[in-house]
Amino acid sequence: MPRKFFNDIEIKSLSNNPYVKSVSSKGITYTDEFKRILIAESNSGKLPRTIFEENGFDIEVLGIVRVQRAASRWRTAYKKEGVLGLQDTRRGNSGRPTQKELSLEEKNARLEAQIQLLRAENELFKKVRHDGKGAEERVKVSAESKFLLIRSVIEKYELKNMVFFLCEISGVSRSGYYNYFSSESRERRDQREKKDLIIKENILKAFHFKRRSKGARSIKMTLEGQFHITYNLKRIRRIMKKYKIVCPIRRANPYKKMLKATQEHSVLPNLLNREFKQEIPGKVLLTDITYLYYGEGKKAYLSTIKDSSTNEILAYNVSNRLTLDLATDTLIKLKKNKRVKFANGAFIHSDQGSHYTSPTFQKHVKKLGLGQSMSRRGNCWDNAPQESFFGHFKDETYIKQCNSLEELKKEIKNYMTYYNNFRYQWNLKKMTPVEYRNHLHNVA
């Protein structure tokens, strides 16, 4: 039978009974007088339940099991030691011995140990890390670090019998301290370290695959897709944090300017309405232009057309001039791509930039048999997947190291091949864009 606990109302009610010494949520202590009453009346034939009820106790609150056990315990004590067996010998009803008064030498020793530990902790807490913007974040000290800190202080200053005291002021358990330095614990840590090193090597294989940096999710998908190794995502992140395997993180640029439409008379309605994933290859095409800085202050422009359902880059064009040809030539390359098959009702979606509001560009779109859609003015979220691609592209390519436009085009070509065929994506059921496109064709 589960143990019965008292709630606040029941505790208050029981506390008002004169035969109760103390009561908590877990238990109750009765007076010696009530114990003697129960023994006397029990000998006259009364049941324990009746005796408790007659002396103001609610059996439903106490529980019949607690009543019967208390009566049995007191009868046994009375038979062994008589009335003395019914006396409560605990001090303050806690059952814990009082702490002894420390001598002056013991107080000084504890104070010295505390000072030395605080000095060591202060040195550890001085370590901070910068996030590149001047902000500082204090390092959190783990229990493992505290164990090592306590051990170093004890050994350095030859402190004796101070483990319990130093663990207490550091907020760690003494049993945890001794367990950490046990031979079994050290052996387990050594085994875990060996396993972690093996996992680290596998993660680095995926991290450097095709010379493209990756985050934890991309590493997980690359391990499964290319090396047939499966690791939990939390494990990958733990190993990356432990061995400082850092992936470049895209940060939002608060100073980025929205492209503004210059020919409002050619703006077309938003047919997409952010319904990016229609699970039909060749149905929704996204396009946009981004700038690229490479070499020593050189600038180029990249125009792409992306399949919104599969994330596959269907066509792209690179130029060192921001002319209308940059966008129209991308459409021409799209037409030449024999792998592209347009679905019924296919259309291309862009922002309201001057390239896309141009009558020349719109004529090219109609020749391809496509409809045309545009984002709302100044709203980059209406073309979010295309913006996201450019962000990842700039993080994962080595465009700054290119010294000429030809080197830049070669690097972009290599990346497009990698992106379409080898870059696994979490939201594509952990497939590459090409694999996901084939998957959608197969299930259609």
Foldseek 3Di string as FASTA:
>chain_A
DDAAFADPVLQVQVVPQPQWPHDHRRGTDGALVLLVVLVVVVVVPDDQVVSCVVSPDDCVRVPPVNSVVVNVCSVVLCVVPNSVSSHDPDPVPPNDDDDDDDDPVVVVLLVVLVVLLVVLVVVQQVDWDDPPPPDTDTDDQDPVNLLVSSVVSCVVVVRPPCLCVSCVVVVHHSVVSVVCPDPVNVVVVVVVVVVLVVVLVLLVCQCCVLHWGDDLLQSQLLCCPPVVDHDDSVSSVVSCVVVVVDADDDDDDPPDAFAFADDVVLADAAPCQLVQAPLAWQAEKEKDKDKDAAADRQIKMKIWIARSNLRATQFMAIGSDDDLCRQLVRLVSSVVRPVHDHDPQHAYEYENHHSCSDPVSVVSRVVVVHHYHYDDGRDCSSRVSVVVVVSSVVRTFDRHHDNDPVSNVVRVVSVSCCQQQPRFDVVLVRHGSVVSNVVSVVVD
